[in-house]
């Protein structure tokens, strides 16, 4: 799941080297934090949050297959 978000983010941003995804596990729950360069924040969030919501939807589908709960936080 971490690799999925990293791949999507690197595909969208201008500075792919600035993309970092951190993962914290709390039992069955996984919290992913996506950090990008300040100038790329708008690209990752998208208009009206559509890009961020699309990434969260893909995570939910991936999480159901693995029997986990996943949430995505963008930024600090």
PDB file of N, CA and C in Angstrom:
ATOM      1  N   UNK A   1       0.822  -1.187   0.000  1.00  0.00           N
ATOM      2  CA  UNK A   1       0.000   0.000   0.000  1.00  0.00           C
ATOM      3  C   UNK A   1       0.870   1.256   0.000  1.00  0.00           C
ATOM      4  N   UNK A   2       1.951   1.194   0.734  1.00  0.00           N
ATOM      5  CA  UNK A   2       2.881   2.319   0.767  1.00  0.00           C
ATOM      6  C   UNK A   2       3.451   2.565  -0.626  1.00  0.00           C
ATOM      7  N   UNK A   3       3.790   1.493  -1.307  1.00  0.00           N
ATOM      8  CA  UNK A   3       4.361   1.609  -2.656  1.00  0.00           C
ATOM      9  C   UNK A   3       3.342   2.175  -3.640  1.00  0.00           C
ATOM     10  N   UNK A   4       2.083   1.836  -3.471  1.00  0.00           N
ATOM     11  CA  UNK A   4       1.026   2.337  -4.344  1.00  0.00           C
ATOM     12  C   UNK A   4       0.920   3.860  -4.246  1.00  0.00           C
ATOM     13  N   UNK A   5       0.869   4.379  -3.041  1.00  0.00           N
ATOM     14  CA  UNK A   5       0.755   5.830  -2.841  1.00  0.00           C
ATOM     15  C   UNK A   5       2.010   6.533  -3.336  1.00  0.00           C
ATOM     16  N   UNK A   6       3.160   5.950  -3.076  1.00  0.00           N
ATOM     17  CA  UNK A   6       4.416   6.550  -3.535  1.00  0.00           C
ATOM     18  C   UNK A   6       4.460   6.619  -5.068  1.00  0.00           C
ATOM     19  N   UNK A   7       4.025   5.568  -5.731  1.00  0.00           N
ATOM     20  CA  UNK A   7       4.009   5.530  -7.191  1.00  0.00           C
ATOM     21  C   UNK A   7       3.067   6.593  -7.762  1.00  0.00           C
ATOM     22  N   UNK A   8       1.876   6.690  -7.199  1.00  0.00           N
ATOM     23  CA  UNK A   8       0.900   7.666  -7.685  1.00  0.00           C
ATOM     24  C   UNK A   8       1.426   9.083  -7.487  1.00  0.00           C
ATOM     25  N   UNK A   9       1.942   9.370  -6.299  1.00  0.00           N
ATOM     26  CA  UNK A   9       2.431  10.715  -5.998  1.00  0.00           C
ATOM     27  C   UNK A   9       3.600  11.103  -6.895  1.00  0.00           C
ATOM     28  N   UNK A  10       4.519  10.188  -7.109  1.00  0.00           N
ATOM     29  CA  UNK A  10       5.677  10.495  -7.954  1.00  0.00           C
ATOM     30  C   UNK A  10       5.266  10.728  -9.399  1.00  0.00           C
ATOM     31  N   UNK A  11       4.169  10.128  -9.814  1.00  0.00           N
ATOM     32  CA  UNK A  11       3.683  10.306 -11.179  1.00  0.00           C
ATOM     33  C   UNK A  11       3.061  11.676 -11.402  1.00  0.00           C
ATOM     34  N   UNK A  12       2.620  12.321 -10.332  1.00  0.00           N
ATOM     35  CA  UNK A  12       1.866  13.568 -10.447  1.00  0.00           C
ATOM     36  C   UNK A  12       2.724  14.806 -10.201  1.00  0.00           C
ATOM     37  N   UNK A  13       3.709  14.721  -9.332  1.00  0.00           N
ATOM     38  CA  UNK A  13       4.453  15.896  -8.886  1.00  0.00           C
ATOM     39  C   UNK A  13       5.568  16.278  -9.857  1.00  0.00           C
ATOM     40  N   UNK A  14       6.066  17.512  -9.701  1.00  0.00           N
ATOM     41  CA  UNK A  14       7.196  17.992 -10.493  1.00  0.00           C
ATOM     42  C   UNK A  14       8.530  17.498  -9.929  1.00  0.00           C
ATOM     43  N   UNK A  15       8.589  17.300  -8.593  1.00  0.00           N
ATOM     44  CA  UNK A  15       9.818  16.880  -7.922  1.00  0.00           C
ATOM     45  C   UNK A  15       9.623  15.502  -7.290  1.00  0.00           C
ATOM     46  N   UNK A  16       9.807  14.415  -8.059  1.00  0.00           N
ATOM     47  CA  UNK A  16       9.573  13.073  -7.515  1.00  0.00           C
ATOM     48  C   UNK A  16      10.516  12.698  -6.374  1.00  0.00           C
ATOM     49  N   UNK A  17      11.692  13.349  -6.310  1.00  0.00           N
ATOM     50  CA  UNK A  17      12.624  13.043  -5.225  1.00  0.00           C
ATOM     51  C   UNK A  17      12.125  13.583  -3.887  1.00  0.00           C
ATOM     52  N   UNK A  18      11.183  14.523  -3.917  1.00  0.00           N
ATOM     53  CA  UNK A  18      10.644  15.105  -2.692  1.00  0.00           C
ATOM     54  C   UNK A  18       9.497  14.318  -2.082  1.00  0.00           C
ATOM     55  N   UNK A  19       9.122  13.219  -2.713  1.00  0.00           N
ATOM     56  CA  UNK A  19       8.005  12.409  -2.218  1.00  0.00           C
ATOM     57  C   UNK A  19       8.514  11.421  -1.174  1.00  0.00           C
ATOM     58  N   UNK A  20       7.863  11.458  -0.001  1.00  0.00           N
ATOM     59  CA  UNK A  20       8.196  10.519   1.072  1.00  0.00           C
ATOM     60  C   UNK A  20       6.895  10.000   1.674  1.00  0.00           C
ATOM     61  N   UNK A  21       6.829   8.701   1.869  1.00  0.00           N
ATOM     62  CA  UNK A  21       5.655   8.084   2.472  1.00  0.00           C
ATOM     63  C   UNK A  21       6.109   7.354   3.731  1.00  0.00           C
ATOM     64  N   UNK A  22       5.503   7.728   4.853  1.00  0.00           N
ATOM     65  CA  UNK A  22       5.801   7.061   6.129  1.00  0.00           C
ATOM     66  C   UNK A  22       4.615   6.184   6.509  1.00  0.00           C
ATOM     67  N   UNK A  23       4.904   5.082   7.149  1.00  0.00           N
ATOM     68  CA  UNK A  23       3.864   4.117   7.520  1.00  0.00           C
ATOM     69  C   UNK A  23       3.956   3.817   9.010  1.00  0.00           C
ATOM     70  N   UNK A  24       2.817   3.917   9.693  1.00  0.00           N
ATOM     71  CA  UNK A  24       2.741   3.546  11.106  1.00  0.00           C
ATOM     72  C   UNK A  24       1.636   2.518  11.251  1.00  0.00           C
ATOM     73  N   UNK A  25       1.918   1.487  12.019  1.00  0.00           N
ATOM     74  CA  UNK A  25       0.944   0.417  12.213  1.00  0.00           C
ATOM     75  C   UNK A  25       0.467   0.405  13.658  1.00  0.00           C
ATOM     76  N   UNK A  26      -0.823   0.273  13.812  1.00  0.00           N
ATOM     77  CA  UNK A  26      -1.463   0.153  15.117  1.00  0.00           C
ATOM     78  C   UNK A  26      -2.385  -1.067  15.054  1.00  0.00           C
ATOM     79  N   UNK A  27      -1.830  -2.248  15.225  1.00  0.00           N
ATOM     80  CA  UNK A  27      -2.617  -3.468  15.101  1.00  0.00           C
ATOM     81  C   UNK A  27      -3.045  -3.679  13.659  1.00  0.00           C
ATOM     82  N   UNK A  28      -4.362  -3.694  13.415  1.00  0.00           N
ATOM     83  CA  UNK A  28      -4.882  -3.860  12.057  1.00  0.00           C
ATOM     84  C   UNK A  28      -4.930  -2.544  11.297  1.00  0.00           C
ATOM     85  N   UNK A  29      -4.779  -1.436  12.003  1.00  0.00           N
ATOM     86  CA  UNK A  29      -4.869  -0.123  11.358  1.00  0.00           C
ATOM     87  C   UNK A  29      -3.493   0.346  10.885  1.00  0.00           C
ATOM     88  N   UNK A  30      -3.460   0.876   9.672  1.00  0.00           N
ATOM     89  CA  UNK A  30      -2.229   1.411   9.090  1.00  0.00           C
ATOM     90  C   UNK A  30      -2.477   2.870   8.729  1.00  0.00           C
ATOM     91  N   UNK A  31      -1.579   3.752   9.174  1.00  0.00           N
ATOM     92  CA  UNK A  31      -1.676   5.175   8.853  1.00  0.00           C
ATOM     93  C   UNK A  31      -0.499   5.535   7.955  1.00  0.00           C
ATOM     94  N   UNK A  32      -0.805   5.985   6.747  1.00  0.00           N
ATOM     95  CA  UNK A  32       0.221   6.417   5.804  1.00  0.00           C
ATOM     96  C   UNK A  32       0.250   7.936   5.780  1.00  0.00           C
ATOM     97  N   UNK A  33       1.440   8.506   5.862  1.00  0.00           N
ATOM     98  CA  UNK A  33       1.610   9.952   5.790  1.00  0.00           C
ATOM     99  C   UNK A  33       2.417  10.270   4.544  1.00  0.00           C
ATOM    100  N   UNK A  34       1.854  11.086   3.677  1.00  0.00           N
ATOM    101  CA  UNK A  34       2.496  11.468   2.417  1.00  0.00           C
ATOM    102  C   UNK A  34       3.044  12.874   2.543  1.00  0.00           C
ATOM    103  N   UNK A  35       4.339  13.011   2.329  1.00  0.00           N
ATOM    104  CA  UNK A  35       5.003  14.314   2.343  1.00  0.00           C
ATOM    105  C   UNK A  35       5.541  14.596   0.951  1.00  0.00           C
ATOM    106  N   UNK A  36       5.264  15.802   0.453  1.00  0.00           N
ATOM    107  CA  UNK A  36       5.771  16.239  -0.847  1.00  0.00           C
ATOM    108  C   UNK A  36       6.333  17.639  -0.688  1.00  0.00           C
ATOM    109  N   UNK A  37       7.034  18.118  -1.713  1.00  0.00           N
ATOM    110  CA  UNK A  37       7.550  19.486  -1.706  1.00  0.00           C
ATOM    111  C   UNK A  37       6.377  20.460  -1.646  1.00  0.00           C
ATOM    112  N   UNK A  38       6.599  21.603  -1.041  1.00  0.00           N
ATOM    113  CA  UNK A  38       5.523  22.587  -0.842  1.00  0.00           C
ATOM    114  C   UNK A  38       4.860  22.979  -2.162  1.00  0.00           C
ATOM    115  N   UNK A  39       5.621  23.124  -3.216  1.00  0.00           N
ATOM    116  CA  UNK A  39       5.063  23.517  -4.504  1.00  0.00           C
ATOM    117  C   UNK A  39       4.210  22.439  -5.152  1.00  0.00           C
ATOM    118  N   UNK A  40       4.374  21.203  -4.729  1.00  0.00           N
ATOM    119  CA  UNK A  40       3.623  20.085  -5.303  1.00  0.00           C
ATOM    120  C   UNK A  40       2.386  19.714  -4.497  1.00  0.00           C
ATOM    121  N   UNK A  41       2.165  20.374  -3.393  1.00  0.00           N
ATOM    122  CA  UNK A  41       1.042  20.033  -2.517  1.00  0.00           C
ATOM    123  C   UNK A  41      -0.295  20.133  -3.259  1.00  0.00           C
ATOM    124  N   UNK A  42      -0.465  21.163  -4.054  1.00  0.00           N
ATOM    125  CA  UNK A  42      -1.714  21.342  -4.800  1.00  0.00           C
ATOM    126  C   UNK A  42      -1.942  20.248  -5.823  1.00  0.00           C
ATOM    127  N   UNK A  43      -0.873  19.765  -6.423  1.00  0.00           N
ATOM    128  CA  UNK A  43      -0.998  18.685  -7.410  1.00  0.00           C
ATOM    129  C   UNK A  43      -1.452  17.384  -6.742  1.00  0.00           C
ATOM    130  N   UNK A  44      -0.945  17.124  -5.556  1.00  0.00           N
ATOM    131  CA  UNK A  44      -1.289  15.888  -4.861  1.00  0.00           C
ATOM    132  C   UNK A  44      -2.720  15.946  -4.322  1.00  0.00           C
ATOM    133  N   UNK A  45      -3.143  17.103  -3.866  1.00  0.00           N
ATOM    134  CA  UNK A  45      -4.504  17.232  -3.333  1.00  0.00           C
ATOM    135  C   UNK A  45      -5.514  17.311  -4.471  1.00  0.00           C
ATOM    136  N   UNK A  46      -5.194  18.067  -5.505  1.00  0.00           N
ATOM    137  CA  UNK A  46      -6.093  18.177  -6.654  1.00  0.00           C
ATOM    138  C   UNK A  46      -7.212  19.167  -6.417  1.00  0.00           C
ATOM    139  N   UNK A  47      -7.968  19.441  -7.476  1.00  0.00           N
ATOM    140  CA  UNK A  47      -9.093  20.357  -7.361  1.00  0.00           C
ATOM    141  C   UNK A  47     -10.172  19.737  -6.497  1.00  0.00           C
ATOM    142  N   UNK A  48     -10.585  20.500  -5.500  1.00  0.00           N
ATOM    143  CA  UNK A  48     -11.616  20.057  -4.550  1.00  0.00           C
ATOM    144  C   UNK A  48     -11.260  18.742  -3.869  1.00  0.00           C
ATOM    145  N   UNK A  49      -9.966  18.426  -3.811  1.00  0.00           N
ATOM    146  CA  UNK A  49      -9.514  17.220  -3.127  1.00  0.00           C
ATOM    147  C   UNK A  49      -9.749  15.936  -3.887  1.00  0.00           C
ATOM    148  N   UNK A  50      -9.990  16.037  -5.168  1.00  0.00           N
ATOM    149  CA  UNK A  50     -10.314  14.838  -5.950  1.00  0.00           C
ATOM    150  C   UNK A  50      -9.158  13.852  -6.016  1.00  0.00           C
ATOM    151  N   UNK A  51      -7.953  14.358  -6.197  1.00  0.00           N
ATOM    152  CA  UNK A  51      -6.796  13.463  -6.283  1.00  0.00           C
ATOM    153  C   UNK A  51      -6.577  12.746  -4.950  1.00  0.00           C
ATOM    154  N   UNK A  52      -6.660  13.488  -3.863  1.00  0.00           N
ATOM    155  CA  UNK A  52      -6.485  12.891  -2.538  1.00  0.00           C
ATOM    156  C   UNK A  52      -7.570  11.856  -2.265  1.00  0.00           C
ATOM    157  N   UNK A  53      -8.800  12.164  -2.617  1.00  0.00           N
ATOM    158  CA  UNK A  53      -9.892  11.217  -2.409  1.00  0.00           C
ATOM    159  C   UNK A  53      -9.733   9.976  -3.272  1.00  0.00           C
ATOM    160  N   UNK A  54      -9.216  10.131  -4.483  1.00  0.00           N
ATOM    161  CA  UNK A  54      -8.985   8.983  -5.354  1.00  0.00           C
ATOM    162  C   UNK A  54      -7.913   8.067  -4.754  1.00  0.00           C
ATOM    163  N   UNK A  55      -6.854   8.653  -4.211  1.00  0.00           N
ATOM    164  CA  UNK A  55      -5.814   7.847  -3.577  1.00  0.00           C
ATOM    165  C   UNK A  55      -6.370   7.119  -2.367  1.00  0.00           C
ATOM    166  N   UNK A  56      -7.199   7.795  -1.584  1.00  0.00           N
ATOM    167  CA  UNK A  56      -7.814   7.153  -0.416  1.00  0.00           C
ATOM    168  C   UNK A  56      -8.739   6.007  -0.830  1.00  0.00           C
ATOM    169  N   UNK A  57      -9.460   6.178  -1.931  1.00  0.00           N
ATOM    170  CA  UNK A  57     -10.340   5.112  -2.419  1.00  0.00           C
ATOM    171  C   UNK A  57      -9.534   3.886  -2.843  1.00  0.00           C
ATOM    172  N   UNK A  58      -8.442   4.111  -3.550  1.00  0.00           N
ATOM    173  CA  UNK A  58      -7.582   2.998  -3.947  1.00  0.00           C
ATOM    174  C   UNK A  58      -6.986   2.288  -2.735  1.00  0.00           C
ATOM    175  N   UNK A  59      -6.650   3.056  -1.714  1.00  0.00           N
ATOM    176  CA  UNK A  59      -6.135   2.453  -0.486  1.00  0.00           C
ATOM    177  C   UNK A  59      -7.185   1.584   0.193  1.00  0.00           C
ATOM    178  N   UNK A  60      -8.423   2.062   0.227  1.00  0.00           N
ATOM    179  CA  UNK A  60      -9.490   1.284   0.856  1.00  0.00           C
ATOM    180  C   UNK A  60      -9.669  -0.056   0.154  1.00  0.00           C
ATOM    181  N   UNK A  61      -9.645  -0.046  -1.170  1.00  0.00           N
ATOM    182  CA  UNK A  61      -9.785  -1.288  -1.930  1.00  0.00           C
ATOM    183  C   UNK A  61      -8.623  -2.231  -1.623  1.00  0.00           C
ATOM    184  N   UNK A  62      -7.425  -1.695  -1.596  1.00  0.00           N
ATOM    185  CA  UNK A  62      -6.248  -2.494  -1.294  1.00  0.00           C
ATOM    186  C   UNK A  62      -6.294  -3.026   0.140  1.00  0.00           C
ATOM    187  N   UNK A  63      -6.810  -2.224   1.051  1.00  0.00           N
ATOM    188  CA  UNK A  63      -6.875  -2.622   2.464  1.00  0.00           C
ATOM    189  C   UNK A  63      -7.884  -3.742   2.678  1.00  0.00           C
ATOM    190  N   UNK A  64      -9.003  -3.695   1.982  1.00  0.00           N
ATOM    191  CA  UNK A  64     -10.012  -4.737   2.123  1.00  0.00           C
ATOM    192  C   UNK A  64      -9.439  -6.091   1.719  1.00  0.00           C
ATOM    193  N   UNK A  65      -8.652  -6.094   0.662  1.00  0.00           N
ATOM    194  CA  UNK A  65      -8.045  -7.346   0.199  1.00  0.00           C
ATOM    195  C   UNK A  65      -7.081  -7.922   1.232  1.00  0.00           C
ATOM    196  N   UNK A  66      -6.410  -7.056   1.985  1.00  0.00           N
ATOM    197  CA  UNK A  66      -5.444  -7.533   2.976  1.00  0.00           C
ATOM    198  C   UNK A  66      -6.026  -7.591   4.384  1.00  0.00           C
ATOM    199  N   UNK A  67      -7.293  -7.217   4.551  1.00  0.00           N
ATOM    200  CA  UNK A  67      -7.942  -7.307   5.855  1.00  0.00           C
ATOM    201  C   UNK A  67      -7.465  -6.265   6.861  1.00  0.00           C
ATOM    202  N   UNK A  68      -7.149  -5.073   6.390  1.00  0.00           N
ATOM    203  CA  UNK A  68      -6.670  -4.002   7.264  1.00  0.00           C
ATOM    204  C   UNK A  68      -7.496  -2.751   7.069  1.00  0.00           C
ATOM    205  N   UNK A  69      -7.308  -1.806   7.981  1.00  0.00           N
ATOM    206  CA  UNK A  69      -7.901  -0.473   7.843  1.00  0.00           C
ATOM    207  C   UNK A  69      -6.761   0.481   7.562  1.00  0.00           C
ATOM    208  N   UNK A  70      -6.943   1.310   6.538  1.00  0.00           N
ATOM    209  CA  UNK A  70      -5.873   2.222   6.127  1.00  0.00           C
ATOM    210  C   UNK A  70      -6.409   3.639   6.047  1.00  0.00           C
ATOM    211  N   UNK A  71      -5.595   4.578   6.513  1.00  0.00           N
ATOM    212  CA  UNK A  71      -5.938   5.990   6.335  1.00  0.00           C
ATOM    213  C   UNK A  71      -4.720   6.703   5.756  1.00  0.00           C
ATOM    214  N   UNK A  72      -4.992   7.776   5.010  1.00  0.00           N
ATOM    215  CA  UNK A  72      -3.937   8.546   4.362  1.00  0.00           C
ATOM    216  C   UNK A  72      -3.982   9.971   4.858  1.00  0.00           C
ATOM    217  N   UNK A  73      -2.849  10.441   5.344  1.00  0.00           N
ATOM    218  CA  UNK A  73      -2.699  11.832   5.759  1.00  0.00           C
ATOM    219  C   UNK A  73      -1.717  12.489   4.795  1.00  0.00           C
ATOM    220  N   UNK A  74      -2.048  13.687   4.367  1.00  0.00           N
ATOM    221  CA  UNK A  74      -1.177  14.402   3.433  1.00  0.00           C
ATOM    222  C   UNK A  74      -0.588  15.604   4.155  1.00  0.00           C
ATOM    223  N   UNK A  75       0.720  15.707   4.135  1.00  0.00           N
ATOM    224  CA  UNK A  75       1.403  16.807   4.813  1.00  0.00           C
ATOM    225  C   UNK A  75       1.716  16.468   6.249  1.00  0.00           C
ATOM    226  N   UNK A  76       2.026  17.496   7.014  1.00  0.00           N
ATOM    227  CA  UNK A  76       2.420  17.279   8.427  1.00  0.00           C
ATOM    228  C   UNK A  76       1.282  16.940   9.301  1.00  0.00           C
TER     229      UNK A  76
END
